[in-house]
């Protein structure tokens, strides 16, 4: 079973913002996370944002 979450997973960007998808695995299933363009192209982690990191 695949889950799809709404809004950027790394910040408070609304669901309508320009975004792409990142995929991870939950305990038994593939999970699709939306990620906004700003987080996707971030080269340095933002230490003020709860230790969230965007992947290459």
N, C-alpha and C. Protein backbone atom coordinates (compact mmCIF):
# COMPACT_ATOMS: atom_id res chain seq x y z
N UNK A 1 0.85 -1.18 0.00
CA UNK A 1 0.00 0.00 0.00
C UNK A 1 0.89 1.24 0.00
N UNK A 2 0.59 2.20 -0.85
CA UNK A 2 1.39 3.42 -0.94
C UNK A 2 0.63 4.57 -0.31
N UNK A 3 1.33 5.35 0.53
CA UNK A 3 0.75 6.55 1.13
C UNK A 3 1.28 7.76 0.40
N UNK A 4 0.46 8.80 0.29
CA UNK A 4 0.92 10.06 -0.27
C UNK A 4 0.58 11.16 0.73
N UNK A 5 1.58 11.92 1.14
CA UNK A 5 1.39 13.01 2.10
C UNK A 5 1.26 14.32 1.33
N UNK A 6 0.63 15.34 1.93
CA UNK A 6 0.45 16.62 1.24
C UNK A 6 1.29 17.70 1.89
N UNK A 7 1.67 18.73 1.12
CA UNK A 7 2.52 19.80 1.63
C UNK A 7 3.96 19.32 1.72
N UNK A 8 4.89 20.25 1.72
CA UNK A 8 6.31 19.88 1.80
C UNK A 8 6.60 19.23 3.14
N UNK A 9 7.33 18.13 3.09
CA UNK A 9 7.66 17.38 4.29
C UNK A 9 8.70 18.10 5.15
N UNK A 10 9.50 19.00 4.54
CA UNK A 10 10.60 19.64 5.24
C UNK A 10 10.30 21.06 5.72
N UNK A 11 9.22 21.68 5.22
CA UNK A 11 8.91 23.05 5.63
C UNK A 11 7.39 23.26 5.60
N UNK A 12 6.96 24.48 5.77
CA UNK A 12 5.53 24.79 5.82
C UNK A 12 4.97 25.23 4.48
N UNK A 13 5.61 24.88 3.37
CA UNK A 13 5.09 25.24 2.05
C UNK A 13 3.72 24.59 1.86
N UNK A 14 2.75 25.32 1.34
CA UNK A 14 1.40 24.78 1.17
C UNK A 14 1.36 23.72 0.06
N UNK A 15 0.34 22.88 0.04
CA UNK A 15 0.23 21.83 -0.97
C UNK A 15 0.27 22.34 -2.41
N UNK A 16 -0.10 23.58 -2.70
CA UNK A 16 -0.10 24.11 -4.06
C UNK A 16 1.24 24.63 -4.54
N UNK A 17 2.26 24.66 -3.69
CA UNK A 17 3.58 25.19 -4.05
C UNK A 17 4.26 24.27 -5.07
N UNK A 18 5.17 24.84 -5.88
CA UNK A 18 5.90 24.04 -6.85
C UNK A 18 6.71 22.98 -6.11
N UNK A 19 6.50 21.72 -6.49
CA UNK A 19 7.14 20.65 -5.73
C UNK A 19 7.39 19.42 -6.60
N UNK A 20 8.11 18.50 -6.03
CA UNK A 20 8.37 17.20 -6.63
C UNK A 20 8.07 16.14 -5.59
N UNK A 21 8.58 14.94 -5.81
CA UNK A 21 8.32 13.85 -4.88
C UNK A 21 9.62 13.19 -4.45
N UNK A 22 9.65 12.76 -3.22
CA UNK A 22 10.74 11.95 -2.70
C UNK A 22 10.09 10.69 -2.14
N UNK A 23 10.75 9.56 -2.30
CA UNK A 23 10.17 8.29 -1.86
C UNK A 23 11.02 7.68 -0.75
N UNK A 24 10.35 7.19 0.27
CA UNK A 24 11.01 6.48 1.36
C UNK A 24 10.20 5.22 1.65
N UNK A 25 10.75 4.37 2.46
CA UNK A 25 10.02 3.17 2.86
C UNK A 25 9.60 3.28 4.30
N UNK A 26 8.32 3.00 4.55
CA UNK A 26 7.82 2.90 5.90
C UNK A 26 8.13 1.50 6.41
N UNK A 27 7.45 1.08 7.43
CA UNK A 27 7.72 -0.25 7.99
C UNK A 27 7.47 -1.35 6.95
N UNK A 28 6.36 -1.27 6.23
CA UNK A 28 6.03 -2.30 5.23
C UNK A 28 5.61 -1.72 3.89
N UNK A 29 5.79 -0.43 3.69
CA UNK A 29 5.25 0.18 2.48
C UNK A 29 6.08 1.35 2.00
N UNK A 30 5.95 1.66 0.73
CA UNK A 30 6.62 2.81 0.13
C UNK A 30 5.78 4.05 0.42
N UNK A 31 6.44 5.13 0.85
CA UNK A 31 5.74 6.37 1.18
C UNK A 31 6.25 7.46 0.25
N UNK A 32 5.32 8.22 -0.34
CA UNK A 32 5.67 9.33 -1.21
C UNK A 32 5.52 10.62 -0.42
N UNK A 33 6.61 11.37 -0.34
CA UNK A 33 6.60 12.65 0.36
C UNK A 33 6.76 13.77 -0.66
N UNK A 34 5.90 14.78 -0.63
CA UNK A 34 6.14 15.93 -1.49
C UNK A 34 7.26 16.78 -0.91
N UNK A 35 8.07 17.36 -1.77
CA UNK A 35 9.16 18.24 -1.34
C UNK A 35 9.14 19.47 -2.23
N UNK A 36 9.16 20.66 -1.63
CA UNK A 36 9.13 21.88 -2.42
C UNK A 36 10.49 22.12 -3.07
N UNK A 37 10.50 22.93 -4.11
CA UNK A 37 11.73 23.20 -4.85
C UNK A 37 12.79 23.81 -3.95
N UNK A 38 12.41 24.72 -3.07
CA UNK A 38 13.39 25.37 -2.18
C UNK A 38 14.11 24.35 -1.30
N UNK A 39 13.39 23.38 -0.76
CA UNK A 39 14.03 22.36 0.07
C UNK A 39 14.84 21.38 -0.77
N UNK A 40 14.36 21.06 -1.96
CA UNK A 40 15.06 20.10 -2.82
C UNK A 40 16.41 20.61 -3.28
N UNK A 41 16.54 21.92 -3.48
CA UNK A 41 17.82 22.45 -3.97
C UNK A 41 18.69 23.00 -2.86
N UNK A 42 18.27 22.84 -1.62
CA UNK A 42 19.03 23.32 -0.47
C UNK A 42 20.35 22.55 -0.37
N UNK A 43 21.46 23.27 -0.31
CA UNK A 43 22.77 22.61 -0.25
C UNK A 43 23.29 22.47 1.17
N UNK A 44 22.82 23.27 2.08
CA UNK A 44 23.23 23.20 3.48
C UNK A 44 21.99 22.95 4.33
N UNK A 45 22.04 22.05 5.31
CA UNK A 45 20.89 21.86 6.19
C UNK A 45 20.62 23.12 7.00
N UNK A 46 19.37 23.41 7.23
CA UNK A 46 18.98 24.57 8.03
C UNK A 46 18.85 24.12 9.48
N UNK A 47 19.81 24.47 10.30
CA UNK A 47 19.83 24.01 11.69
C UNK A 47 18.65 24.52 12.51
N UNK A 48 17.96 25.53 12.02
CA UNK A 48 16.80 26.07 12.74
C UNK A 48 15.53 25.28 12.44
N UNK A 49 15.57 24.34 11.54
CA UNK A 49 14.37 23.63 11.12
C UNK A 49 14.32 22.19 11.64
N UNK A 50 14.41 21.99 12.90
CA UNK A 50 14.20 20.69 13.56
C UNK A 50 15.04 19.55 12.99
N UNK A 51 16.26 19.83 12.60
CA UNK A 51 17.17 18.80 12.10
C UNK A 51 16.65 18.07 10.86
N UNK A 52 15.89 18.75 10.00
CA UNK A 52 15.45 18.15 8.74
C UNK A 52 16.49 18.41 7.67
N UNK A 53 16.76 17.42 6.86
CA UNK A 53 17.78 17.54 5.81
C UNK A 53 17.18 17.14 4.47
N UNK A 54 17.48 17.89 3.44
CA UNK A 54 17.09 17.52 2.08
C UNK A 54 18.20 16.66 1.48
N UNK A 55 17.83 15.65 0.74
CA UNK A 55 18.81 14.74 0.14
C UNK A 55 19.12 15.15 -1.29
N UNK A 56 20.29 14.75 -1.77
CA UNK A 56 20.66 15.00 -3.17
C UNK A 56 19.82 14.13 -4.08
